[in-house]
Amino acid sequence: TLSEYIGWKVKMMQSEKSISNYDIMTKGGFKGTTVISRIKKGKHSIQVDTIYRLCKGLACKSTDILPF
């Protein structure tokens, strides 16, 4: 699914850049690290604002985590 793909991409980018869940949370404006964990497992519904915040947290473009 798209959620699982985005979760996998987030994990890969996070690993490549050595960014913690806490860093993604604070830079992306999330309310907790639980959301980040759920996204990485493909268990969180992905909306446009979530993609935007993930990109801010990972310092990347949306094309880096989306398959299109």
Protein backbone atom coordinates (compact mmCIF):
# COMPACT_ATOMS: atom_id res chain seq x y z
CA THR A 1 0.00 0.00 0.00
CA LEU A 2 1.00 3.64 -0.27
CA SER A 3 1.23 3.97 3.53
CA GLU A 4 3.62 1.02 3.72
CA TYR A 5 5.76 2.40 0.89
CA ILE A 6 6.02 5.83 2.52
CA GLY A 7 6.86 4.18 5.84
CA TRP A 8 9.65 2.21 4.19
CA LYS A 9 11.00 5.34 2.48
CA VAL A 10 10.92 7.27 5.77
CA LYS A 11 12.88 4.47 7.46
CA MET A 12 15.46 4.42 4.66
CA MET A 13 15.94 8.20 4.63
CA GLN A 14 16.05 8.35 8.41
CA SER A 15 18.76 5.70 8.46
CA GLU A 16 20.78 7.37 5.67
CA LYS A 17 20.66 10.75 7.40
CA SER A 18 20.99 9.41 10.97
CA ILE A 19 17.88 11.31 12.09
CA SER A 20 15.99 10.20 15.22
CA ASN A 21 12.21 9.97 15.57
CA TYR A 22 12.49 12.84 18.02
CA ASP A 23 14.23 15.00 15.40
CA ILE A 24 11.51 14.26 12.84
CA MET A 25 8.88 15.04 15.47
CA THR A 26 10.32 18.41 16.47
CA LYS A 27 11.33 19.61 12.99
CA GLY A 28 8.11 18.33 11.41
CA GLY A 29 5.75 19.64 14.07
CA PHE A 30 4.35 16.28 15.17
CA LYS A 31 2.86 15.95 18.67
CA GLY A 32 4.77 12.80 19.57
CA THR A 33 7.12 10.12 18.34
CA THR A 34 4.35 7.50 18.35
CA VAL A 35 3.00 8.95 15.09
CA ILE A 36 6.43 8.61 13.48
CA SER A 37 6.65 4.98 14.58
CA ARG A 38 3.18 4.25 13.19
CA ILE A 39 4.07 5.90 9.87
CA LYS A 40 7.23 3.80 9.56
CA LYS A 41 5.18 0.63 10.17
CA GLY A 42 2.63 1.64 7.51
CA LYS A 43 -0.09 1.85 10.17
CA HIS A 44 -0.89 5.56 9.90
CA SER A 45 -3.21 7.15 7.36
CA ILE A 46 -1.09 9.47 5.23
CA GLN A 47 -2.54 12.85 4.34
CA VAL A 48 -1.00 15.78 2.48
CA ASP A 49 -0.18 17.67 5.68
CA THR A 50 1.52 14.54 7.06
CA ILE A 51 3.70 14.29 3.96
CA TYR A 52 4.58 17.97 4.29
CA ARG A 53 5.58 17.55 7.95
CA LEU A 54 7.57 14.40 7.20
CA CYS A 55 9.49 16.27 4.53
CA LYS A 56 10.25 19.10 6.93
CA GLY A 57 11.40 16.62 9.56
CA LEU A 58 13.59 14.71 7.11
CA ALA A 59 14.78 17.83 5.24
CA CYS A 60 13.72 16.35 1.91
CA LYS A 61 11.31 16.90 -1.00
CA SER A 62 7.98 15.10 -1.33
CA THR A 63 9.33 13.33 -4.42
CA ASP A 64 11.91 11.70 -2.14
CA ILE A 65 9.24 9.77 -0.24
CA LEU A 66 6.41 9.47 -2.78
CA PRO A 67 6.46 6.91 -5.59
CA PHE A 68 5.25 9.43 -8.19
